[in-house]
Amino acid sequence: MTSLVNVVCITQVKEADNSDRLSLSIDRMTSQGCGSSSDVVTNSQRHSSEKRFECTVCSKRFARAGNLAVHSRIHSGEKPYQCHVCDKAFITSGGHNRHMRIHTGEKPHKCQVCDRAFRTSGQLNCHMRIHTGDKPFKCHVCDREFRESGHLSRHMTVHTGGGPVHKCSVCNYCFHHFSHLQVHKRLVHSNRRPHH
């Protein structure tokens, strides 16, 4: 027979304005709690915002000792999970498992819109921005927006002198290559379309 207990769960909730708030609830649940197979004490610690474990090197704090142990490998250089195909090593088993998909070709994360598949959930999330039109990375100099942080970083060299700058006379977008500026003007600022 499964026993019922009162458990305090503190969870982080994303508000509509993108701010975070903590939500406190007292739930009557089984020892599995919120679906976890761990015991009630461990499950309560997982949902607690209290970070009792501190890294002695960088002072970063963690709610669980196991997370601190994994984190400390960053400082020690320990990488206990090694790929048997290419000998690359990893700090976490999750990192190792994601890496193995390169060798196996497994792509378990599938786009529900176009059926394209990806090795990691992060790659899928980035891909989804194509469908949603979301461009969360904005240049603070010219307000141009990008889907990926790397695209913003590459763009920033336009403003920092990382290469020749070709500026659109209509909208002030900047390009490293004159040919990119020409394509931009044709596609954005003229009625002419390619291959017509």
N, C-alpha and C. Protein backbone atom coordinates (compact mmCIF):
# COMPACT_ATOMS: atom_id res chain seq x y z
N MET A 1 0.84 -1.19 0.00
CA MET A 1 0.00 0.00 0.00
C MET A 1 0.88 1.24 0.00
N THR A 2 0.56 2.18 -0.85
CA THR A 2 1.31 3.42 -0.96
C THR A 2 0.81 4.41 0.08
N SER A 3 1.75 5.02 0.81
CA SER A 3 1.35 5.99 1.83
C SER A 3 1.28 7.39 1.22
N LEU A 4 0.37 8.20 1.77
CA LEU A 4 0.24 9.58 1.33
C LEU A 4 0.90 10.49 2.34
N VAL A 5 1.57 11.54 1.85
CA VAL A 5 2.24 12.50 2.71
C VAL A 5 1.98 13.90 2.18
N ASN A 6 2.11 14.88 3.07
CA ASN A 6 2.04 16.27 2.63
C ASN A 6 3.45 16.71 2.27
N VAL A 7 3.62 17.26 1.08
CA VAL A 7 4.92 17.69 0.61
C VAL A 7 4.82 19.13 0.14
N VAL A 8 5.78 19.93 0.55
CA VAL A 8 5.84 21.31 0.09
C VAL A 8 6.66 21.33 -1.18
N CYS A 9 6.07 21.84 -2.26
CA CYS A 9 6.78 21.96 -3.53
C CYS A 9 6.94 23.43 -3.86
N ILE A 10 8.16 23.84 -4.13
CA ILE A 10 8.44 25.19 -4.57
C ILE A 10 8.92 25.06 -6.01
N THR A 11 8.21 25.68 -6.93
CA THR A 11 8.60 25.59 -8.33
C THR A 11 8.75 26.98 -8.90
N GLN A 12 9.62 27.09 -9.91
CA GLN A 12 9.84 28.36 -10.58
C GLN A 12 8.85 28.47 -11.73
N VAL A 13 8.14 29.60 -11.79
CA VAL A 13 7.11 29.80 -12.80
C VAL A 13 7.50 30.99 -13.66
N LYS A 14 7.39 30.85 -14.99
CA LYS A 14 7.68 31.93 -15.93
C LYS A 14 6.41 32.76 -16.10
N GLU A 15 6.48 34.04 -15.80
CA GLU A 15 5.34 34.93 -15.94
C GLU A 15 5.23 35.38 -17.40
N ALA A 16 4.11 35.99 -17.76
CA ALA A 16 3.88 36.48 -19.12
C ALA A 16 4.91 37.53 -19.50
N ASP A 17 5.37 38.33 -18.54
CA ASP A 17 6.36 39.37 -18.84
C ASP A 17 7.79 38.83 -18.80
N ASN A 18 7.93 37.50 -18.77
CA ASN A 18 9.21 36.80 -18.79
C ASN A 18 9.96 36.88 -17.46
N SER A 19 9.34 37.43 -16.41
CA SER A 19 9.98 37.43 -15.10
C SER A 19 9.70 36.09 -14.42
N ASP A 20 10.50 35.78 -13.42
CA ASP A 20 10.33 34.53 -12.70
C ASP A 20 9.64 34.80 -11.38
N ARG A 21 8.84 33.85 -10.94
CA ARG A 21 8.31 33.91 -9.58
C ARG A 21 8.31 32.50 -9.04
N LEU A 22 8.35 32.38 -7.75
CA LEU A 22 8.31 31.07 -7.11
C LEU A 22 6.88 30.77 -6.71
N SER A 23 6.46 29.56 -6.98
CA SER A 23 5.12 29.12 -6.63
C SER A 23 5.23 28.07 -5.53
N LEU A 24 4.51 28.27 -4.46
CA LEU A 24 4.54 27.36 -3.34
C LEU A 24 3.23 26.59 -3.28
N SER A 25 3.33 25.29 -3.18
CA SER A 25 2.11 24.50 -3.02
C SER A 25 2.37 23.39 -2.03
N ILE A 26 1.35 23.06 -1.27
CA ILE A 26 1.43 21.92 -0.36
C ILE A 26 0.53 20.85 -0.95
N ASP A 27 1.15 19.79 -1.39
CA ASP A 27 0.43 18.75 -2.09
C ASP A 27 0.40 17.47 -1.26
N ARG A 28 -0.73 16.79 -1.33
CA ARG A 28 -0.83 15.47 -0.73
C ARG A 28 -0.52 14.49 -1.83
N MET A 29 0.63 13.82 -1.71
CA MET A 29 1.05 12.95 -2.80
C MET A 29 1.73 11.70 -2.27
N THR A 30 1.93 10.78 -3.17
CA THR A 30 2.60 9.54 -2.82
C THR A 30 4.09 9.80 -2.74
N SER A 31 4.85 8.80 -2.36
CA SER A 31 6.29 8.97 -2.27
C SER A 31 6.91 9.26 -3.62
N GLN A 32 6.15 9.03 -4.71
CA GLN A 32 6.66 9.39 -6.03
C GLN A 32 6.49 10.89 -6.29
N GLY A 33 5.72 11.59 -5.48
CA GLY A 33 5.58 13.04 -5.58
C GLY A 33 5.10 13.47 -6.94
N CYS A 34 5.89 14.27 -7.60
CA CYS A 34 5.49 14.87 -8.87
C CYS A 34 5.85 13.97 -10.06
N GLY A 35 5.91 12.70 -9.85
CA GLY A 35 6.25 11.79 -10.93
C GLY A 35 7.66 11.26 -10.79
N SER A 36 8.40 11.77 -9.83
CA SER A 36 9.76 11.32 -9.61
C SER A 36 9.74 9.98 -8.87
N SER A 37 10.72 9.14 -9.15
CA SER A 37 10.78 7.85 -8.47
C SER A 37 11.62 7.93 -7.20
N SER A 38 12.11 9.13 -6.86
CA SER A 38 12.94 9.27 -5.67
C SER A 38 12.08 9.39 -4.41
N ASP A 39 12.73 9.27 -3.26
CA ASP A 39 11.98 9.36 -2.01
C ASP A 39 11.53 10.80 -1.76
N VAL A 40 10.63 10.97 -0.80
CA VAL A 40 10.01 12.27 -0.55
C VAL A 40 11.04 13.33 -0.18
N VAL A 41 12.03 12.98 0.66
CA VAL A 41 13.02 13.97 1.08
C VAL A 41 13.82 14.45 -0.13
N THR A 42 14.30 13.51 -0.95
CA THR A 42 15.06 13.89 -2.14
C THR A 42 14.20 14.70 -3.09
N ASN A 43 12.96 14.30 -3.27
CA ASN A 43 12.05 15.01 -4.16
C ASN A 43 11.79 16.42 -3.65
N SER A 44 11.64 16.59 -2.36
CA SER A 44 11.43 17.93 -1.80
C SER A 44 12.65 18.79 -2.02
N GLN A 45 13.85 18.21 -1.86
CA GLN A 45 15.08 18.97 -2.10
C GLN A 45 15.19 19.39 -3.56
N ARG A 46 14.76 18.53 -4.46
CA ARG A 46 14.83 18.83 -5.88
C ARG A 46 13.99 20.06 -6.20
N HIS A 47 12.84 20.20 -5.55
CA HIS A 47 11.93 21.32 -5.83
C HIS A 47 12.20 22.54 -4.96
N SER A 48 13.10 22.41 -4.03
CA SER A 48 13.42 23.51 -3.14
C SER A 48 14.33 24.51 -3.84
N SER A 49 14.13 25.79 -3.54
CA SER A 49 15.00 26.81 -4.12
C SER A 49 16.22 27.06 -3.22
N GLU A 50 16.27 26.43 -2.07
CA GLU A 50 17.39 26.61 -1.16
C GLU A 50 18.63 25.94 -1.74
N LYS A 51 19.70 26.70 -1.88
CA LYS A 51 20.95 26.18 -2.44
C LYS A 51 21.97 26.09 -1.31
N ARG A 52 22.01 24.92 -0.69
CA ARG A 52 22.84 24.73 0.50
C ARG A 52 24.27 24.32 0.19
N PHE A 53 24.56 23.90 -1.03
CA PHE A 53 25.87 23.35 -1.36
C PHE A 53 26.65 24.35 -2.23
N GLU A 54 27.82 24.78 -1.75
CA GLU A 54 28.58 25.82 -2.42
C GLU A 54 29.91 25.29 -2.95
N CYS A 55 30.24 25.67 -4.17
CA CYS A 55 31.52 25.30 -4.77
C CYS A 55 32.63 26.10 -4.08
N THR A 56 33.68 25.41 -3.65
CA THR A 56 34.78 26.07 -2.94
C THR A 56 35.69 26.85 -3.89
N VAL A 57 35.55 26.62 -5.19
CA VAL A 57 36.40 27.31 -6.16
C VAL A 57 35.77 28.61 -6.64
N CYS A 58 34.49 28.54 -7.09
CA CYS A 58 33.87 29.72 -7.70
C CYS A 58 32.66 30.25 -6.93
N SER A 59 32.31 29.62 -5.83
CA SER A 59 31.20 30.03 -4.96
C SER A 59 29.81 29.85 -5.56
N LYS A 60 29.69 29.18 -6.69
CA LYS A 60 28.37 28.88 -7.23
C LYS A 60 27.67 27.92 -6.27
N ARG A 61 26.35 28.10 -6.10
CA ARG A 61 25.61 27.31 -5.12
C ARG A 61 24.64 26.37 -5.81
N PHE A 62 24.36 25.24 -5.15
CA PHE A 62 23.49 24.20 -5.70
C PHE A 62 22.55 23.69 -4.63
N ALA A 63 21.38 23.26 -5.05
CA ALA A 63 20.38 22.70 -4.13
C ALA A 63 20.71 21.27 -3.76
N ARG A 64 21.46 20.58 -4.62
CA ARG A 64 21.76 19.16 -4.38
C ARG A 64 23.26 18.92 -4.42
N ALA A 65 23.74 18.05 -3.54
CA ALA A 65 25.17 17.72 -3.47
C ALA A 65 25.65 17.08 -4.77
N GLY A 66 24.80 16.28 -5.39
CA GLY A 66 25.19 15.63 -6.65
C GLY A 66 25.45 16.62 -7.76
N ASN A 67 24.66 17.69 -7.80
CA ASN A 67 24.88 18.73 -8.82
C ASN A 67 26.20 19.46 -8.58
N LEU A 68 26.53 19.68 -7.31
CA LEU A 68 27.82 20.29 -6.97
C LEU A 68 28.96 19.37 -7.39
N ALA A 69 28.81 18.08 -7.16
CA ALA A 69 29.86 17.12 -7.52
C ALA A 69 30.12 17.14 -9.03
N VAL A 70 29.05 17.17 -9.81
CA VAL A 70 29.20 17.24 -11.27
C VAL A 70 29.84 18.57 -11.66
N HIS A 71 29.38 19.67 -11.06
CA HIS A 71 29.93 21.00 -11.35
C HIS A 71 31.43 21.05 -11.07
N SER A 72 31.89 20.45 -9.98
CA SER A 72 33.30 20.55 -9.61
C SER A 72 34.22 19.90 -10.64
N ARG A 73 33.67 19.08 -11.52
CA ARG A 73 34.49 18.50 -12.60
C ARG A 73 34.96 19.58 -13.57
N ILE A 74 34.22 20.68 -13.66
CA ILE A 74 34.64 21.79 -14.51
C ILE A 74 35.99 22.30 -14.03
N HIS A 75 36.16 22.40 -12.73
CA HIS A 75 37.39 22.92 -12.15
C HIS A 75 38.50 21.89 -12.13
N SER A 76 38.15 20.64 -11.90
CA SER A 76 39.18 19.59 -11.79
C SER A 76 39.62 19.07 -13.15
N GLY A 77 38.78 19.27 -14.16
CA GLY A 77 39.09 18.75 -15.49
C GLY A 77 38.72 17.29 -15.66
N GLU A 78 38.11 16.71 -14.63
CA GLU A 78 37.72 15.29 -14.71
C GLU A 78 36.60 15.11 -15.74
N LYS A 79 36.81 14.14 -16.63
CA LYS A 79 35.80 13.81 -17.64
C LYS A 79 35.66 12.29 -17.67
N PRO A 80 34.81 11.75 -16.81
CA PRO A 80 34.74 10.30 -16.64
C PRO A 80 33.99 9.54 -17.74
N TYR A 81 33.32 10.23 -18.63
CA TYR A 81 32.53 9.55 -19.66
C TYR A 81 33.23 9.71 -21.01
N GLN A 82 33.80 8.62 -21.51
CA GLN A 82 34.59 8.66 -22.73
C GLN A 82 33.91 7.92 -23.88
N CYS A 83 33.95 8.53 -25.05
CA CYS A 83 33.39 7.92 -26.26
C CYS A 83 34.31 6.79 -26.71
N HIS A 84 33.75 5.62 -26.95
CA HIS A 84 34.55 4.48 -27.38
C HIS A 84 34.86 4.51 -28.88
N VAL A 85 34.26 5.48 -29.59
CA VAL A 85 34.49 5.59 -31.03
C VAL A 85 35.63 6.57 -31.33
N CYS A 86 35.57 7.76 -30.72
CA CYS A 86 36.56 8.80 -31.06
C CYS A 86 37.39 9.27 -29.86
N ASP A 87 37.19 8.69 -28.70
CA ASP A 87 37.95 9.00 -27.47
C ASP A 87 37.68 10.38 -26.88
N LYS A 88 36.69 11.11 -27.38
CA LYS A 88 36.32 12.38 -26.77
C LYS A 88 35.71 12.08 -25.40
N ALA A 89 36.01 12.92 -24.41
CA ALA A 89 35.53 12.68 -23.04
C ALA A 89 34.60 13.79 -22.58
N PHE A 90 33.73 13.44 -21.62
CA PHE A 90 32.68 14.35 -21.17
C PHE A 90 32.56 14.38 -19.66
N ILE A 91 32.09 15.51 -19.15
CA ILE A 91 31.88 15.70 -17.72
C ILE A 91 30.65 14.93 -17.25
N THR A 92 29.60 14.91 -18.08
CA THR A 92 28.34 14.28 -17.68
C THR A 92 27.98 13.13 -18.61
N SER A 93 27.17 12.22 -18.10
CA SER A 93 26.68 11.12 -18.94
C SER A 93 25.75 11.66 -20.02
N GLY A 94 25.00 12.72 -19.70
CA GLY A 94 24.11 13.33 -20.68
C GLY A 94 24.88 13.89 -21.87
N GLY A 95 26.00 14.54 -21.59
CA GLY A 95 26.85 15.06 -22.65
C GLY A 95 27.39 13.93 -23.51
N HIS A 96 27.78 12.86 -22.87
CA HIS A 96 28.28 11.67 -23.59
C HIS A 96 27.18 11.08 -24.46
N ASN A 97 25.97 10.96 -23.90
CA ASN A 97 24.86 10.38 -24.66
C ASN A 97 24.50 11.23 -25.87
N ARG A 98 24.48 12.55 -25.70
CA ARG A 98 24.19 13.45 -26.83
C ARG A 98 25.27 13.31 -27.90
N HIS A 99 26.52 13.22 -27.47
CA HIS A 99 27.63 13.07 -28.41
C HIS A 99 27.52 11.77 -29.21
N MET A 100 27.11 10.71 -28.56
CA MET A 100 27.02 9.40 -29.24
C MET A 100 26.07 9.45 -30.43
N ARG A 101 25.11 10.36 -30.39
CA ARG A 101 24.17 10.49 -31.52
C ARG A 101 24.86 10.93 -32.79
N ILE A 102 26.03 11.57 -32.67
CA ILE A 102 26.81 11.92 -33.86
C ILE A 102 27.22 10.64 -34.58
N HIS A 103 27.64 9.65 -33.81
CA HIS A 103 28.13 8.40 -34.39
C HIS A 103 26.98 7.48 -34.83
N THR A 104 25.88 7.50 -34.08
CA THR A 104 24.77 6.60 -34.40
C THR A 104 23.82 7.20 -35.44
N GLY A 105 23.85 8.53 -35.56
CA GLY A 105 22.93 9.19 -36.48
C GLY A 105 21.54 9.38 -35.90
N GLU A 106 21.36 9.00 -34.63
CA GLU A 106 20.05 9.12 -33.99
C GLU A 106 19.66 10.60 -33.85
N LYS A 107 18.43 10.90 -34.22
CA LYS A 107 17.88 12.26 -34.10
C LYS A 107 16.49 12.15 -33.50
N PRO A 108 16.42 12.06 -32.16
CA PRO A 108 15.14 11.79 -31.51
C PRO A 108 14.21 12.99 -31.35
N HIS A 109 14.70 14.18 -31.64
CA HIS A 109 13.88 15.38 -31.44
C HIS A 109 13.33 15.83 -32.78
N LYS A 110 12.01 15.64 -32.98
CA LYS A 110 11.39 15.86 -34.27
C LYS A 110 10.49 17.10 -34.26
N CYS A 111 10.62 17.92 -35.30
CA CYS A 111 9.78 19.10 -35.46
C CYS A 111 8.36 18.65 -35.81
N GLN A 112 7.38 19.16 -35.08
CA GLN A 112 5.98 18.80 -35.32
C GLN A 112 5.39 19.53 -36.52
N VAL A 113 6.13 20.54 -37.04
CA VAL A 113 5.63 21.32 -38.16
C VAL A 113 6.10 20.73 -39.49
N CYS A 114 7.42 20.44 -39.59
CA CYS A 114 7.96 20.02 -40.89
C CYS A 114 8.63 18.64 -40.86
N ASP A 115 8.57 17.96 -39.73
CA ASP A 115 9.13 16.61 -39.57
C ASP A 115 10.65 16.53 -39.61
N ARG A 116 11.35 17.64 -39.64
CA ARG A 116 12.81 17.60 -39.58
C ARG A 116 13.22 17.11 -38.19
N ALA A 117 14.30 16.34 -38.11
CA ALA A 117 14.72 15.76 -36.84
C ALA A 117 16.10 16.29 -36.43
N PHE A 118 16.34 16.31 -35.10
CA PHE A 118 17.56 16.88 -34.55
C PHE A 118 18.12 15.99 -33.45
N ARG A 119 19.43 16.11 -33.23
CA ARG A 119 20.09 15.32 -32.19
C ARG A 119 19.76 15.81 -30.79
N THR A 120 19.59 17.13 -30.62
CA THR A 120 19.35 17.68 -29.28
C THR A 120 18.09 18.52 -29.25
N SER A 121 17.53 18.66 -28.07
CA SER A 121 16.34 19.50 -27.91
C SER A 121 16.68 20.96 -28.17
N GLY A 122 17.91 21.37 -27.86
CA GLY A 122 18.34 22.74 -28.13
C GLY A 122 18.34 23.06 -29.61
N GLN A 123 18.79 22.10 -30.42
CA GLN A 123 18.77 22.30 -31.87
C GLN A 123 17.33 22.42 -32.37
N LEU A 124 16.44 21.59 -31.82
CA LEU A 124 15.03 21.67 -32.21
C LEU A 124 14.44 23.01 -31.80
N ASN A 125 14.72 23.46 -30.57
CA ASN A 125 14.19 24.75 -30.11
C ASN A 125 14.65 25.89 -31.01
N CYS A 126 15.91 25.86 -31.41
CA CYS A 126 16.44 26.89 -32.31
C CYS A 126 15.74 26.81 -33.66
N HIS A 127 15.56 25.60 -34.18
CA HIS A 127 14.89 25.40 -35.46
C HIS A 127 13.45 25.92 -35.42
N MET A 128 12.76 25.74 -34.31
CA MET A 128 11.36 26.15 -34.20
C MET A 128 11.19 27.65 -34.44
N ARG A 129 12.25 28.43 -34.21
CA ARG A 129 12.17 29.87 -34.44
C ARG A 129 11.93 30.19 -35.92
N ILE A 130 12.31 29.27 -36.80
CA ILE A 130 12.03 29.47 -38.23
C ILE A 130 10.52 29.50 -38.44
N HIS A 131 9.81 28.61 -37.75
CA HIS A 131 8.37 28.52 -37.91
C HIS A 131 7.63 29.62 -37.16
N THR A 132 8.15 30.01 -35.99
CA THR A 132 7.47 31.02 -35.18
C THR A 132 7.84 32.44 -35.58
N GLY A 133 8.99 32.59 -36.24
CA GLY A 133 9.46 33.92 -36.59
C GLY A 133 10.15 34.62 -35.43
N ASP A 134 10.32 33.93 -34.31
CA ASP A 134 10.94 34.52 -33.13
C ASP A 134 12.41 34.81 -33.39
N LYS A 135 12.82 36.03 -33.08
CA LYS A 135 14.23 36.44 -33.20
C LYS A 135 14.62 37.12 -31.89
N PRO A 136 15.01 36.31 -30.89
CA PRO A 136 15.22 36.86 -29.55
C PRO A 136 16.56 37.57 -29.34
N PHE A 137 17.46 37.55 -30.31
CA PHE A 137 18.77 38.16 -30.13
C PHE A 137 18.84 39.44 -30.95
N LYS A 138 18.91 40.58 -30.25
CA LYS A 138 18.80 41.89 -30.89
C LYS A 138 20.10 42.67 -30.75
N CYS A 139 20.54 43.25 -31.86
CA CYS A 139 21.73 44.10 -31.87
C CYS A 139 21.41 45.41 -31.15
N HIS A 140 22.21 45.75 -30.16
CA HIS A 140 21.96 46.99 -29.41
C HIS A 140 22.41 48.24 -30.16
N VAL A 141 23.09 48.04 -31.30
CA VAL A 141 23.55 49.19 -32.08
C VAL A 141 22.53 49.57 -33.15
N CYS A 142 22.06 48.58 -33.92
CA CYS A 142 21.18 48.91 -35.05
C CYS A 142 19.80 48.25 -34.96
N ASP A 143 19.53 47.55 -33.87
CA ASP A 143 18.23 46.92 -33.61
C ASP A 143 17.90 45.75 -34.54
N ARG A 144 18.84 45.27 -35.32
CA ARG A 144 18.59 44.09 -36.16
C ARG A 144 18.42 42.89 -35.25
N GLU A 145 17.52 41.99 -35.60
CA GLU A 145 17.21 40.83 -34.76
C GLU A 145 17.64 39.54 -35.44
N PHE A 146 18.01 38.55 -34.60
CA PHE A 146 18.52 37.28 -35.10
C PHE A 146 17.89 36.12 -34.36
N ARG A 147 17.80 34.98 -35.05
CA ARG A 147 17.26 33.77 -34.44
C ARG A 147 18.27 33.08 -33.53
N GLU A 148 19.57 33.24 -33.83
CA GLU A 148 20.60 32.54 -33.07
C GLU A 148 21.62 33.53 -32.52
N SER A 149 22.14 33.23 -31.33
CA SER A 149 23.12 34.13 -30.71
C SER A 149 24.39 34.21 -31.54
N GLY A 150 24.77 33.11 -32.18
CA GLY A 150 25.97 33.13 -33.02
C GLY A 150 25.85 34.06 -34.20
N HIS A 151 24.64 34.17 -34.74
CA HIS A 151 24.42 35.10 -35.85
C HIS A 151 24.56 36.55 -35.38
N LEU A 152 24.09 36.82 -34.17
CA LEU A 152 24.27 38.16 -33.60
C LEU A 152 25.76 38.43 -33.37
N SER A 153 26.47 37.47 -32.84
CA SER A 153 27.91 37.66 -32.58
C SER A 153 28.65 37.96 -33.87
N ARG A 154 28.35 37.21 -34.94
CA ARG A 154 28.99 37.43 -36.23
C ARG A 154 28.62 38.83 -36.76
N HIS A 155 27.35 39.20 -36.59
CA HIS A 155 26.89 40.52 -37.04
C HIS A 155 27.62 41.64 -36.31
N MET A 156 27.90 41.47 -35.03
CA MET A 156 28.50 42.54 -34.23
C MET A 156 29.85 42.98 -34.77
N THR A 157 30.54 42.11 -35.52
CA THR A 157 31.83 42.52 -36.10
C THR A 157 31.64 43.64 -37.11
N VAL A 158 30.44 43.78 -37.65
CA VAL A 158 30.15 44.90 -38.55
C VAL A 158 30.33 46.21 -37.80
N HIS A 159 29.93 46.24 -36.54
CA HIS A 159 30.00 47.46 -35.75
C HIS A 159 31.35 47.64 -35.06
N THR A 160 32.09 46.56 -34.86
CA THR A 160 33.33 46.64 -34.11
C THR A 160 34.56 46.65 -35.00
N GLY A 161 34.37 46.73 -36.31
CA GLY A 161 35.50 46.81 -37.22
C GLY A 161 36.11 45.47 -37.55
N GLY A 162 35.34 44.42 -37.49
CA GLY A 162 35.85 43.08 -37.77
C GLY A 162 35.89 42.75 -39.25
N GLY A 163 35.69 43.70 -40.11
CA GLY A 163 35.71 43.45 -41.54
C GLY A 163 35.11 44.62 -42.28
N PRO A 164 35.14 44.57 -43.61
CA PRO A 164 34.57 45.68 -44.39
C PRO A 164 33.06 45.77 -44.16
N VAL A 165 32.55 46.98 -44.17
CA VAL A 165 31.13 47.21 -43.93
C VAL A 165 30.48 47.78 -45.18
N HIS A 166 29.40 47.15 -45.59
CA HIS A 166 28.60 47.64 -46.72
C HIS A 166 27.21 47.91 -46.16
N LYS A 167 26.85 49.20 -46.12
CA LYS A 167 25.62 49.62 -45.46
C LYS A 167 24.53 49.91 -46.49
N CYS A 168 23.34 49.40 -46.19
CA CYS A 168 22.19 49.65 -47.05
C CYS A 168 21.77 51.11 -46.92
N SER A 169 21.64 51.79 -48.05
CA SER A 169 21.28 53.21 -48.03
C SER A 169 19.81 53.44 -47.71
N VAL A 170 19.01 52.37 -47.76
CA VAL A 170 17.58 52.50 -47.49
C VAL A 170 17.26 52.26 -46.01
N CYS A 171 17.78 51.14 -45.44
CA CYS A 171 17.39 50.77 -44.06
C CYS A 171 18.56 50.71 -43.08
N ASN A 172 19.76 50.98 -43.53
CA ASN A 172 20.96 51.01 -42.70
C ASN A 172 21.44 49.64 -42.21
N TYR A 173 20.90 48.54 -42.73
CA TYR A 173 21.45 47.22 -42.40
C TYR A 173 22.87 47.17 -42.94
N CYS A 174 23.74 46.47 -42.22
CA CYS A 174 25.14 46.39 -42.62
C CYS A 174 25.51 44.95 -43.00
N PHE A 175 26.41 44.83 -43.97
CA PHE A 175 26.82 43.52 -44.47
C PHE A 175 28.34 43.50 -44.63
N HIS A 176 28.92 42.33 -44.44
CA HIS A 176 30.36 42.16 -44.65
C HIS A 176 30.69 42.08 -46.14
N HIS A 177 29.81 41.51 -46.91
CA HIS A 177 30.07 41.28 -48.33
C HIS A 177 29.13 42.14 -49.17
N PHE A 178 29.69 42.78 -50.17
CA PHE A 178 28.91 43.63 -51.05
C PHE A 178 27.82 42.83 -51.75
N SER A 179 28.13 41.58 -52.10
CA SER A 179 27.13 40.74 -52.78
C SER A 179 25.91 40.49 -51.89
N HIS A 180 26.12 40.39 -50.57
CA HIS A 180 24.99 40.21 -49.64
C HIS A 180 24.13 41.47 -49.61
N LEU A 181 24.77 42.63 -49.68
CA LEU A 181 24.03 43.89 -49.73
C LEU A 181 23.19 43.96 -51.00
N GLN A 182 23.77 43.54 -52.12
CA GLN A 182 23.03 43.57 -53.38
C GLN A 182 21.80 42.65 -53.33
N VAL A 183 21.97 41.46 -52.79
CA VAL A 183 20.85 40.52 -52.67
C VAL A 183 19.79 41.11 -51.76
N HIS A 184 20.23 41.69 -50.65
CA HIS A 184 19.30 42.32 -49.70
C HIS A 184 18.47 43.41 -50.40
N LYS A 185 19.12 44.29 -51.14
CA LYS A 185 18.41 45.37 -51.82
C LYS A 185 17.41 44.82 -52.83
N ARG A 186 17.81 43.78 -53.56
CA ARG A 186 16.93 43.20 -54.57
C ARG A 186 15.72 42.55 -53.92
N LEU A 187 15.94 41.79 -52.80
CA LEU A 187 14.84 41.05 -52.19
C LEU A 187 13.95 41.92 -51.30
N VAL A 188 14.54 42.90 -50.64
CA VAL A 188 13.78 43.67 -49.65
C VAL A 188 13.27 45.00 -50.20
N HIS A 189 14.08 45.66 -51.03
CA HIS A 189 13.73 47.03 -51.42
C HIS A 189 13.36 47.20 -52.88
N SER A 190 13.20 46.13 -53.63
CA SER A 190 12.78 46.29 -55.02
C SER A 190 11.63 45.33 -55.32
N ASN A 191 10.97 45.58 -56.43
CA ASN A 191 9.89 44.68 -56.87
C ASN A 191 10.43 43.50 -57.65
N ARG A 192 11.73 43.54 -57.98
CA ARG A 192 12.34 42.45 -58.73
C ARG A 192 12.55 41.25 -57.84
N ARG A 193 12.21 40.09 -58.29
CA ARG A 193 12.41 38.86 -57.53
C ARG A 193 13.36 37.95 -58.29
N PRO A 194 14.12 37.12 -57.58
CA PRO A 194 15.07 36.24 -58.27
C PRO A 194 14.34 35.22 -59.14
N HIS A 195 14.97 34.85 -60.22
CA HIS A 195 14.51 33.81 -61.12
C HIS A 195 13.18 34.16 -61.79
N HIS A 196 12.89 35.41 -61.99
CA HIS A 196 11.65 35.81 -62.69
C HIS A 196 12.00 36.55 -63.95
